[in-house]
Amino acid sequence: YITIERPVTDRRRRVRVRLTTTGRKAFHGHVAALRE
């Protein structure tokens, strides 16, 4: 559902995430079910 990236910027490791296509579809499916 998500991709995790751990880039190093200014000598600091950061963690950032994003939804995958599968994750985005699952999220929209959950929202639709809750609306129903």
PDB file of all heavy atoms in Angstrom:
ATOM      1  N   TYR A   1       0.802  -1.224   0.000  1.00  0.00           N
ATOM      2  CA  TYR A   1       0.000   0.000   0.000  1.00  0.00           C
ATOM      3  C   TYR A   1       0.836   1.275   0.000  1.00  0.00           C
ATOM      4  O   TYR A   1       0.363   2.311  -0.439  1.00  0.00           O
ATOM      5  CB  TYR A   1      -0.935   0.032   1.205  1.00  0.00           C
ATOM      6  CG  TYR A   1      -2.099  -0.931   1.124  1.00  0.00           C
ATOM      7  CD1 TYR A   1      -2.910  -1.146   2.216  1.00  0.00           C
ATOM      8  CD2 TYR A   1      -2.391  -1.632  -0.043  1.00  0.00           C
ATOM      9  CE1 TYR A   1      -3.993  -2.016   2.158  1.00  0.00           C
ATOM     10  CE2 TYR A   1      -3.455  -2.509  -0.113  1.00  0.00           C
ATOM     11  CZ  TYR A   1      -4.254  -2.694   0.990  1.00  0.00           C
ATOM     12  OH  TYR A   1      -5.319  -3.555   0.924  1.00  0.00           O
ATOM     13  N   ILE A   2       2.053   1.212   0.527  1.00  0.00           N
ATOM     14  CA  ILE A   2       2.920   2.387   0.550  1.00  0.00           C
ATOM     15  C   ILE A   2       4.331   2.006   0.119  1.00  0.00           C
ATOM     16  O   ILE A   2       4.717   0.838   0.172  1.00  0.00           O
ATOM     17  CB  ILE A   2       2.984   3.072   1.941  1.00  0.00           C
ATOM     18  CG1 ILE A   2       3.607   2.153   2.987  1.00  0.00           C
ATOM     19  CG2 ILE A   2       1.632   3.587   2.373  1.00  0.00           C
ATOM     20  CD1 ILE A   2       3.914   2.848   4.317  1.00  0.00           C
ATOM     21  N   THR A   3       5.068   3.020  -0.289  1.00  0.00           N
ATOM     22  CA  THR A   3       6.498   2.901  -0.568  1.00  0.00           C
ATOM     23  C   THR A   3       7.211   3.793   0.436  1.00  0.00           C
ATOM     24  O   THR A   3       6.776   4.921   0.673  1.00  0.00           O
ATOM     25  CB  THR A   3       6.815   3.375  -2.001  1.00  0.00           C
ATOM     26  OG1 THR A   3       6.124   2.536  -2.915  1.00  0.00           O
ATOM     27  CG2 THR A   3       8.297   3.335  -2.287  1.00  0.00           C
ATOM     28  N   ILE A   4       8.274   3.296   1.016  1.00  0.00           N
ATOM     29  CA  ILE A   4       9.053   4.063   1.987  1.00  0.00           C
ATOM     30  C   ILE A   4      10.411   4.375   1.378  1.00  0.00           C
ATOM     31  O   ILE A   4      11.060   3.501   0.807  1.00  0.00           O
ATOM     32  CB  ILE A   4       9.237   3.296   3.307  1.00  0.00           C
ATOM     33  CG1 ILE A   4       7.874   2.993   3.939  1.00  0.00           C
ATOM     34  CG2 ILE A   4      10.118   4.080   4.280  1.00  0.00           C
ATOM     35  CD1 ILE A   4       7.930   2.113   5.171  1.00  0.00           C
ATOM     36  N   GLU A   5      10.825   5.624   1.515  1.00  0.00           N
ATOM     37  CA  GLU A   5      12.126   6.065   1.012  1.00  0.00           C
ATOM     38  C   GLU A   5      12.897   6.672   2.181  1.00  0.00           C
ATOM     39  O   GLU A   5      12.308   7.350   3.012  1.00  0.00           O
ATOM     40  CB  GLU A   5      11.895   7.121  -0.077  1.00  0.00           C
ATOM     41  CG  GLU A   5      13.034   7.257  -1.038  1.00  0.00           C
ATOM     42  CD  GLU A   5      12.692   8.253  -2.132  1.00  0.00           C
ATOM     43  OE1 GLU A   5      12.616   9.460  -1.837  1.00  0.00           O
ATOM     44  OE2 GLU A   5      12.503   7.819  -3.266  1.00  0.00           O
ATOM     45  N   ARG A   6      14.184   6.416   2.230  1.00  0.00           N
ATOM     46  CA  ARG A   6      15.031   6.923   3.317  1.00  0.00           C
ATOM     47  C   ARG A   6      16.213   7.710   2.756  1.00  0.00           C
ATOM     48  O   ARG A   6      17.357   7.271   2.875  1.00  0.00           O
ATOM     49  CB  ARG A   6      15.499   5.770   4.182  1.00  0.00           C
ATOM     50  CG  ARG A   6      14.368   5.071   4.916  1.00  0.00           C
ATOM     51  CD  ARG A   6      14.827   3.772   5.564  1.00  0.00           C
ATOM     52  NE  ARG A   6      13.762   3.116   6.296  1.00  0.00           N
ATOM     53  CZ  ARG A   6      12.846   2.328   5.759  1.00  0.00           C
ATOM     54  NH1 ARG A   6      12.884   2.055   4.468  1.00  0.00           N
ATOM     55  NH2 ARG A   6      11.903   1.782   6.498  1.00  0.00           N
ATOM     56  N   PRO A   7      15.959   8.874   2.169  1.00  0.00           N
ATOM     57  CA  PRO A   7      17.067   9.659   1.607  1.00  0.00           C
ATOM     58  C   PRO A   7      17.889  10.334   2.709  1.00  0.00           C
ATOM     59  O   PRO A   7      17.392  10.576   3.810  1.00  0.00           O
ATOM     60  CB  PRO A   7      16.365  10.696   0.743  1.00  0.00           C
ATOM     61  CG  PRO A   7      15.051  10.898   1.415  1.00  0.00           C
ATOM     62  CD  PRO A   7      14.675   9.548   1.982  1.00  0.00           C
ATOM     63  N   VAL A   8      19.129  10.622   2.397  1.00  0.00           N
ATOM     64  CA  VAL A   8      19.985  11.371   3.320  1.00  0.00           C
ATOM     65  C   VAL A   8      20.122  12.779   2.752  1.00  0.00           C
ATOM     66  O   VAL A   8      20.561  12.965   1.624  1.00  0.00           O
ATOM     67  CB  VAL A   8      21.374  10.718   3.461  1.00  0.00           C
ATOM     68  CG1 VAL A   8      22.270  11.561   4.349  1.00  0.00           C
ATOM     69  CG2 VAL A   8      21.242   9.314   4.011  1.00  0.00           C
ATOM     70  N   THR A   9      19.699  13.772   3.540  1.00  0.00           N
ATOM     71  CA  THR A   9      19.825  15.163   3.129  1.00  0.00           C
ATOM     72  C   THR A   9      20.486  15.939   4.261  1.00  0.00           C
ATOM     73  O   THR A   9      20.142  15.758   5.426  1.00  0.00           O
ATOM     74  CB  THR A   9      18.449  15.799   2.819  1.00  0.00           C
ATOM     75  OG1 THR A   9      17.607  15.663   3.955  1.00  0.00           O
ATOM     76  CG2 THR A   9      17.795  15.136   1.629  1.00  0.00           C
ATOM     77  N   ASP A  10      21.424  16.776   3.916  1.00  0.00           N
ATOM     78  CA  ASP A  10      22.158  17.547   4.919  1.00  0.00           C
ATOM     79  C   ASP A  10      22.683  16.654   6.045  1.00  0.00           C
ATOM     80  O   ASP A  10      22.583  16.986   7.218  1.00  0.00           O
ATOM     81  CB  ASP A  10      21.275  18.659   5.494  1.00  0.00           C
ATOM     82  CG  ASP A  10      20.837  19.657   4.445  1.00  0.00           C
ATOM     83  OD1 ASP A  10      21.626  19.910   3.505  1.00  0.00           O
ATOM     84  OD2 ASP A  10      19.711  20.174   4.552  1.00  0.00           O
ATOM     85  N   ARG A  11      23.198  15.501   5.645  1.00  0.00           N
ATOM     86  CA  ARG A  11      23.779  14.519   6.581  1.00  0.00           C
ATOM     87  C   ARG A  11      22.771  13.949   7.567  1.00  0.00           C
ATOM     88  O   ARG A  11      23.135  13.397   8.594  1.00  0.00           O
ATOM     89  CB  ARG A  11      24.962  15.124   7.328  1.00  0.00           C
ATOM     90  CG  ARG A  11      26.087  15.508   6.417  1.00  0.00           C
ATOM     91  CD  ARG A  11      27.240  16.033   7.200  1.00  0.00           C
ATOM     92  NE  ARG A  11      28.268  16.494   6.265  1.00  0.00           N
ATOM     93  CZ  ARG A  11      29.469  16.800   6.641  1.00  0.00           C
ATOM     94  NH1 ARG A  11      29.809  16.722   7.901  1.00  0.00           N
ATOM     95  NH2 ARG A  11      30.343  17.207   5.751  1.00  0.00           N
ATOM     96  N   ARG A  12      21.494  14.108   7.270  1.00  0.00           N
ATOM     97  CA  ARG A  12      20.430  13.563   8.116  1.00  0.00           C
ATOM     98  C   ARG A  12      19.592  12.598   7.317  1.00  0.00           C
ATOM     99  O   ARG A  12      19.205  12.890   6.209  1.00  0.00           O
ATOM    100  CB  ARG A  12      19.513  14.690   8.594  1.00  0.00           C
ATOM    101  CG  ARG A  12      19.706  15.069  10.027  1.00  0.00           C
ATOM    102  CD  ARG A  12      18.758  16.133  10.423  1.00  0.00           C
ATOM    103  NE  ARG A  12      17.543  15.529  10.953  1.00  0.00           N
ATOM    104  CZ  ARG A  12      16.553  16.198  11.458  1.00  0.00           C
ATOM    105  NH1 ARG A  12      16.586  17.506  11.468  1.00  0.00           N
ATOM    106  NH2 ARG A  12      15.513  15.589  11.939  1.00  0.00           N
ATOM    107  N   ARG A  13      19.306  11.473   7.890  1.00  0.00           N
ATOM    108  CA  ARG A  13      18.430  10.510   7.225  1.00  0.00           C
ATOM    109  C   ARG A  13      16.985  10.924   7.487  1.00  0.00           C
ATOM    110  O   ARG A  13      16.583  11.169   8.609  1.00  0.00           O
ATOM    111  CB  ARG A  13      18.649   9.103   7.750  1.00  0.00           C
ATOM    112  CG  ARG A  13      17.725   8.096   7.064  1.00  0.00           C
ATOM    113  CD  ARG A  13      18.087   6.687   7.330  1.00  0.00           C
ATOM    114  NE  ARG A  13      19.438   6.337   6.957  1.00  0.00           N
ATOM    115  CZ  ARG A  13      19.827   6.023   5.711  1.00  0.00           C
ATOM    116  NH1 ARG A  13      18.975   6.050   4.734  1.00  0.00           N
ATOM    117  NH2 ARG A  13      21.074   5.695   5.471  1.00  0.00           N
ATOM    118  N   ARG A  14      16.249  11.012   6.402  1.00  0.00           N
ATOM    119  CA  ARG A  14      14.826  11.322   6.489  1.00  0.00           C
ATOM    120  C   ARG A  14      14.049  10.085   6.075  1.00  0.00           C
ATOM    121  O   ARG A  14      14.550   9.243   5.361  1.00  0.00           O
ATOM    122  CB  ARG A  14      14.472  12.476   5.540  1.00  0.00           C
ATOM    123  CG  ARG A  14      15.156  13.775   5.912  1.00  0.00           C
ATOM    124  CD  ARG A  14      14.879  14.872   4.923  1.00  0.00           C
ATOM    125  NE  ARG A  14      13.441  15.017   4.682  1.00  0.00           N
ATOM    126  CZ  ARG A  14      12.930  15.492   3.566  1.00  0.00           C
ATOM    127  NH1 ARG A  14      13.710  15.868   2.576  1.00  0.00           N
ATOM    128  NH2 ARG A  14      11.630  15.601   3.418  1.00  0.00           N
ATOM    129  N   VAL A  15      12.839  10.007   6.531  1.00  0.00           N
ATOM    130  CA  VAL A  15      11.950   8.928   6.103  1.00  0.00           C
ATOM    131  C   VAL A  15      10.726   9.601   5.512  1.00  0.00           C
ATOM    132  O   VAL A  15      10.144  10.493   6.120  1.00  0.00           O
ATOM    133  CB  VAL A  15      11.544   8.014   7.283  1.00  0.00           C
ATOM    134  CG1 VAL A  15      10.539   6.973   6.834  1.00  0.00           C
ATOM    135  CG2 VAL A  15      12.772   7.365   7.907  1.00  0.00           C
ATOM    136  N   ARG A  16      10.379   9.166   4.306  1.00  0.00           N
ATOM    137  CA  ARG A  16       9.177   9.696   3.695  1.00  0.00           C
ATOM    138  C   ARG A  16       8.440   8.564   3.008  1.00  0.00           C
ATOM    139  O   ARG A  16       9.037   7.545   2.657  1.00  0.00           O
ATOM    140  CB  ARG A  16       9.485  10.837   2.737  1.00  0.00           C
ATOM    141  CG  ARG A  16      10.407  10.501   1.616  1.00  0.00           C
ATOM    142  CD  ARG A  16      10.786  11.737   0.846  1.00  0.00           C
ATOM    143  NE  ARG A  16      11.324  11.348  -0.459  1.00  0.00           N
ATOM    144  CZ  ARG A  16      11.433  12.151  -1.476  1.00  0.00           C
ATOM    145  NH1 ARG A  16      11.048  13.398  -1.362  1.00  0.00           N
ATOM    146  NH2 ARG A  16      11.919  11.739  -2.615  1.00  0.00           N
ATOM    147  N   VAL A  17       7.142   8.738   2.866  1.00  0.00           N
ATOM    148  CA  VAL A  17       6.300   7.673   2.325  1.00  0.00           C
ATOM    149  C   VAL A  17       5.355   8.232   1.266  1.00  0.00           C
ATOM    150  O   VAL A  17       5.096   9.438   1.224  1.00  0.00           O
ATOM    151  CB  VAL A  17       5.473   6.985   3.439  1.00  0.00           C
ATOM    152  CG1 VAL A  17       6.363   6.362   4.486  1.00  0.00           C
ATOM    153  CG2 VAL A  17       4.506   7.952   4.077  1.00  0.00           C
ATOM    154  N   ARG A  18       4.847   7.318   0.459  1.00  0.00           N
ATOM    155  CA  ARG A  18       3.794   7.678  -0.485  1.00  0.00           C
ATOM    156  C   ARG A  18       2.932   6.457  -0.745  1.00  0.00           C
ATOM    157  O   ARG A  18       3.374   5.310  -0.593  1.00  0.00           O
ATOM    158  CB  ARG A  18       4.363   8.220  -1.784  1.00  0.00           C
ATOM    159  CG  ARG A  18       4.995   7.181  -2.660  1.00  0.00           C
ATOM    160  CD  ARG A  18       5.361   7.771  -3.994  1.00  0.00           C
ATOM    161  NE  ARG A  18       6.011   6.736  -4.772  1.00  0.00           N
ATOM    162  CZ  ARG A  18       6.372   6.875  -6.014  1.00  0.00           C
ATOM    163  NH1 ARG A  18       6.174   8.018  -6.620  1.00  0.00           N
ATOM    164  NH2 ARG A  18       6.946   5.904  -6.657  1.00  0.00           N
ATOM    165  N   LEU A  19       1.697   6.725  -1.136  1.00  0.00           N
ATOM    166  CA  LEU A  19       0.795   5.640  -1.493  1.00  0.00           C
ATOM    167  C   LEU A  19       1.206   5.050  -2.837  1.00  0.00           C
ATOM    168  O   LEU A  19       1.592   5.779  -3.747  1.00  0.00           O
ATOM    169  CB  LEU A  19      -0.639   6.160  -1.621  1.00  0.00           C
ATOM    170  CG  LEU A  19      -1.409   6.435  -0.348  1.00  0.00           C
ATOM    171  CD1 LEU A  19      -2.740   7.111  -0.673  1.00  0.00           C
ATOM    172  CD2 LEU A  19      -1.640   5.155   0.425  1.00  0.00           C
ATOM    173  N   THR A  20       1.080   3.745  -2.957  1.00  0.00           N
ATOM    174  CA  THR A  20       1.258   3.092  -4.244  1.00  0.00           C
ATOM    175  C   THR A  20      -0.092   3.139  -4.964  1.00  0.00           C
ATOM    176  O   THR A  20      -1.111   3.535  -4.388  1.00  0.00           O
ATOM    177  CB  THR A  20       1.672   1.621  -4.059  1.00  0.00           C
ATOM    178  OG1 THR A  20       0.616   0.946  -3.360  1.00  0.00           O
ATOM    179  CG2 THR A  20       2.986   1.489  -3.290  1.00  0.00           C
ATOM    180  N   THR A  21      -0.112   2.727  -6.197  1.00  0.00           N
ATOM    181  CA  THR A  21      -1.374   2.654  -6.929  1.00  0.00           C
ATOM    182  C   THR A  21      -2.343   1.715  -6.212  1.00  0.00           C
ATOM    183  O   THR A  21      -3.530   2.026  -6.047  1.00  0.00           O
ATOM    184  CB  THR A  21      -1.135   2.164  -8.381  1.00  0.00           C
ATOM    185  OG1 THR A  21      -0.242   3.085  -9.017  1.00  0.00           O
ATOM    186  CG2 THR A  21      -2.416   2.077  -9.160  1.00  0.00           C
ATOM    187  N   THR A  22      -1.838   0.601  -5.731  1.00  0.00           N
ATOM    188  CA  THR A  22      -2.657  -0.346  -4.972  1.00  0.00           C
ATOM    189  C   THR A  22      -3.186   0.296  -3.698  1.00  0.00           C
ATOM    190  O   THR A  22      -4.359   0.138  -3.344  1.00  0.00           O
ATOM    191  CB  THR A  22      -1.843  -1.610  -4.621  1.00  0.00           C
ATOM    192  OG1 THR A  22      -1.385  -2.203  -5.831  1.00  0.00           O
ATOM    193  CG2 THR A  22      -2.641  -2.603  -3.814  1.00  0.00           C
ATOM    194  N   GLY A  23      -2.337   1.031  -3.004  1.00  0.00           N
ATOM    195  CA  GLY A  23      -2.744   1.707  -1.775  1.00  0.00           C
ATOM    196  C   GLY A  23      -3.790   2.769  -2.019  1.00  0.00           C
ATOM    197  O   GLY A  23      -4.750   2.916  -1.250  1.00  0.00           O
ATOM    198  N   ARG A  24      -3.635   3.515  -3.096  1.00  0.00           N
ATOM    199  CA  ARG A  24      -4.607   4.561  -3.430  1.00  0.00           C
ATOM    200  C   ARG A  24      -5.966   3.937  -3.753  1.00  0.00           C
ATOM    201  O   ARG A  24      -7.005   4.411  -3.311  1.00  0.00           O
ATOM    202  CB  ARG A  24      -4.101   5.399  -4.602  1.00  0.00           C
ATOM    203  CG  ARG A  24      -4.894   6.663  -4.835  1.00  0.00           C
ATOM    204  CD  ARG A  24      -4.206   7.607  -5.801  1.00  0.00           C
ATOM    205  NE  ARG A  24      -2.858   7.988  -5.390  1.00  0.00           N
ATOM    206  CZ  ARG A  24      -2.568   8.910  -4.480  1.00  0.00           C
ATOM    207  NH1 ARG A  24      -3.530   9.547  -3.872  1.00  0.00           N
ATOM    208  NH2 ARG A  24      -1.317   9.196  -4.186  1.00  0.00           N
ATOM    209  N   LYS A  25      -5.966   2.831  -4.513  1.00  0.00           N
ATOM    210  CA  LYS A  25      -7.221   2.142  -4.833  1.00  0.00           C
ATOM    211  C   LYS A  25      -7.884   1.604  -3.564  1.00  0.00           C
ATOM    212  O   LYS A  25      -9.097   1.710  -3.394  1.00  0.00           O
ATOM    213  CB  LYS A  25      -6.964   1.009  -5.820  1.00  0.00           C
ATOM    214  CG  LYS A  25      -6.669   1.478  -7.218  1.00  0.00           C
ATOM    215  CD  LYS A  25      -6.383   0.315  -8.145  1.00  0.00           C
ATOM    216  CE  LYS A  25      -6.008   0.793  -9.534  1.00  0.00           C
ATOM    217  NZ  LYS A  25      -5.635  -0.317 -10.427  1.00  0.00           N
ATOM    218  N   ALA A  26      -7.096   1.031  -2.677  1.00  0.00           N
ATOM    219  CA  ALA A  26      -7.634   0.508  -1.420  1.00  0.00           C
ATOM    220  C   ALA A  26      -8.223   1.632  -0.579  1.00  0.00           C
ATOM    221  O   ALA A  26      -9.312   1.496  -0.011  1.00  0.00           O
ATOM    222  CB  ALA A  26      -6.546  -0.228  -0.641  1.00  0.00           C
ATOM    223  N   PHE A  27      -7.525   2.751  -0.509  1.00  0.00           N
ATOM    224  CA  PHE A  27      -8.014   3.904   0.257  1.00  0.00           C
ATOM    225  C   PHE A  27      -9.357   4.374  -0.292  1.00  0.00           C
ATOM    226  O   PHE A  27     -10.311   4.565   0.455  1.00  0.00           O
ATOM    227  CB  PHE A  27      -6.989   5.037   0.211  1.00  0.00           C
ATOM    228  CG  PHE A  27      -7.483   6.304   0.843  1.00  0.00           C
ATOM    229  CD1 PHE A  27      -7.559   6.434   2.220  1.00  0.00           C
ATOM    230  CD2 PHE A  27      -7.901   7.370   0.053  1.00  0.00           C
ATOM    231  CE1 PHE A  27      -8.036   7.606   2.799  1.00  0.00           C
ATOM    232  CE2 PHE A  27      -8.376   8.539   0.620  1.00  0.00           C
ATOM    233  CZ  PHE A  27      -8.442   8.658   2.003  1.00  0.00           C
ATOM    234  N   HIS A  28      -9.437   4.548  -1.605  1.00  0.00           N
ATOM    235  CA  HIS A  28     -10.690   5.003  -2.211  1.00  0.00           C
ATOM    236  C   HIS A  28     -11.811   3.982  -1.993  1.00  0.00           C
ATOM    237  O   HIS A  28     -12.966   4.361  -1.786  1.00  0.00           O
ATOM    238  CB  HIS A  28     -10.494   5.316  -3.695  1.00  0.00           C
ATOM    239  CG  HIS A  28      -9.692   6.560  -3.920  1.00  0.00           C
ATOM    240  ND1 HIS A  28     -10.109   7.807  -3.512  1.00  0.00           N
ATOM    241  CD2 HIS A  28      -8.483   6.750  -4.502  1.00  0.00           C
ATOM    242  CE1 HIS A  28      -9.197   8.711  -3.831  1.00  0.00           C
ATOM    243  NE2 HIS A  28      -8.194   8.093  -4.423  1.00  0.00           N
ATOM    244  N   GLY A  29     -11.472   2.711  -2.008  1.00  0.00           N
ATOM    245  CA  GLY A  29     -12.462   1.665  -1.723  1.00  0.00           C
ATOM    246  C   GLY A  29     -12.990   1.748  -0.304  1.00  0.00           C
ATOM    247  O   GLY A  29     -14.188   1.604  -0.064  1.00  0.00           O
ATOM    248  N   HIS A  30     -12.105   1.990   0.644  1.00  0.00           N
ATOM    249  CA  HIS A  30     -12.516   2.119   2.051  1.00  0.00           C
ATOM    250  C   HIS A  30     -13.402   3.347   2.243  1.00  0.00           C
ATOM    251  O   HIS A  30     -14.407   3.290   2.949  1.00  0.00           O
ATOM    252  CB  HIS A  30     -11.301   2.202   2.975  1.00  0.00           C
ATOM    253  CG  HIS A  30     -10.539   0.929   3.093  1.00  0.00           C
ATOM    254  ND1 HIS A  30     -11.093  -0.251   3.496  1.00  0.00           N
ATOM    255  CD2 HIS A  30      -9.232   0.656   2.846  1.00  0.00           C
ATOM    256  CE1 HIS A  30     -10.185  -1.206   3.497  1.00  0.00           C
ATOM    257  NE2 HIS A  30      -9.045  -0.676   3.102  1.00  0.00           N
ATOM    258  N   VAL A  31     -13.029   4.456   1.620  1.00  0.00           N
ATOM    259  CA  VAL A  31     -13.831   5.680   1.720  1.00  0.00           C
ATOM    260  C   VAL A  31     -15.221   5.446   1.133  1.00  0.00           C
ATOM    261  O   VAL A  31     -16.233   5.839   1.725  1.00  0.00           O
ATOM    262  CB  VAL A  31     -13.119   6.873   1.043  1.00  0.00           C
ATOM    263  CG1 VAL A  31     -14.050   8.077   0.925  1.00  0.00           C
ATOM    264  CG2 VAL A  31     -11.857   7.248   1.816  1.00  0.00           C
ATOM    265  N   ALA A  32     -15.290   4.788  -0.010  1.00  0.00           N
ATOM    266  CA  ALA A  32     -16.587   4.499  -0.636  1.00  0.00           C
ATOM    267  C   ALA A  32     -17.447   3.618   0.268  1.00  0.00           C
ATOM    268  O   ALA A  32     -18.650   3.854   0.411  1.00  0.00           O
ATOM    269  CB  ALA A  32     -16.375   3.833  -1.998  1.00  0.00           C
ATOM    270  N   ALA A  33     -16.837   2.620   0.874  1.00  0.00           N
ATOM    271  CA  ALA A  33     -17.583   1.738   1.780  1.00  0.00           C
ATOM    272  C   ALA A  33     -18.100   2.507   2.988  1.00  0.00           C
ATOM    273  O   ALA A  33     -19.254   2.312   3.414  1.00  0.00           O
ATOM    274  CB  ALA A  33     -16.699   0.572   2.225  1.00  0.00           C
ATOM    275  N   LEU A  34     -17.285   3.387   3.543  1.00  0.00           N
ATOM    276  CA  LEU A  34     -17.732   4.194   4.676  1.00  0.00           C
ATOM    277  C   LEU A  34     -18.868   5.130   4.279  1.00  0.00           C
ATOM    278  O   LEU A  34     -19.822   5.323   5.047  1.00  0.00           O
ATOM    279  CB  LEU A  34     -16.562   5.003   5.251  1.00  0.00           C
ATOM    280  CG  LEU A  34     -15.514   4.186   5.999  1.00  0.00           C
ATOM    281  CD1 LEU A  34     -14.289   5.049   6.313  1.00  0.00           C
ATOM    282  CD2 LEU A  34     -16.088   3.590   7.269  1.00  0.00           C
ATOM    283  N   ARG A  35     -18.804   5.691   3.088  1.00  0.00           N
ATOM    284  CA  ARG A  35     -19.896   6.562   2.611  1.00  0.00           C
ATOM    285  C   ARG A  35     -21.196   5.781   2.474  1.00  0.00           C
ATOM    286  O   ARG A  35     -22.261   6.292   2.789  1.00  0.00           O
ATOM    287  CB  ARG A  35     -19.507   7.217   1.288  1.00  0.00           C
ATOM    288  CG  ARG A  35     -18.486   8.312   1.480  1.00  0.00           C
ATOM    289  CD  ARG A  35     -18.176   9.037   0.190  1.00  0.00           C
ATOM    290  NE  ARG A  35     -17.266  10.138   0.464  1.00  0.00           N
ATOM    291  CZ  ARG A  35     -16.352  10.575  -0.367  1.00  0.00           C
ATOM    292  NH1 ARG A  35     -16.216  10.026  -1.562  1.00  0.00           N
ATOM    293  NH2 ARG A  35     -15.568  11.572  -0.036  1.00  0.00           N
ATOM    294  N   GLU A  36     -21.114   4.552   2.011  1.00  0.00           N
ATOM    295  CA  GLU A  36     -22.310   3.718   1.903  1.00  0.00           C
ATOM    296  C   GLU A  36     -22.901   3.427   3.276  1.00  0.00           C
ATOM    297  O   GLU A  36     -24.117   3.451   3.445  1.00  0.00           O
ATOM    298  CB  GLU A  36     -21.981   2.406   1.193  1.00  0.00           C
ATOM    299  CG  GLU A  36     -21.807   2.545  -0.300  1.00  0.00           C
ATOM    300  CD  GLU A  36     -21.563   1.199  -0.968  1.00  0.00           C
ATOM    301  OE1 GLU A  36     -22.105   0.178  -0.493  1.00  0.00           O
ATOM    302  OE2 GLU A  36     -20.822   1.175  -1.961  1.00  0.00           O
TER     303      GLU A  36
END
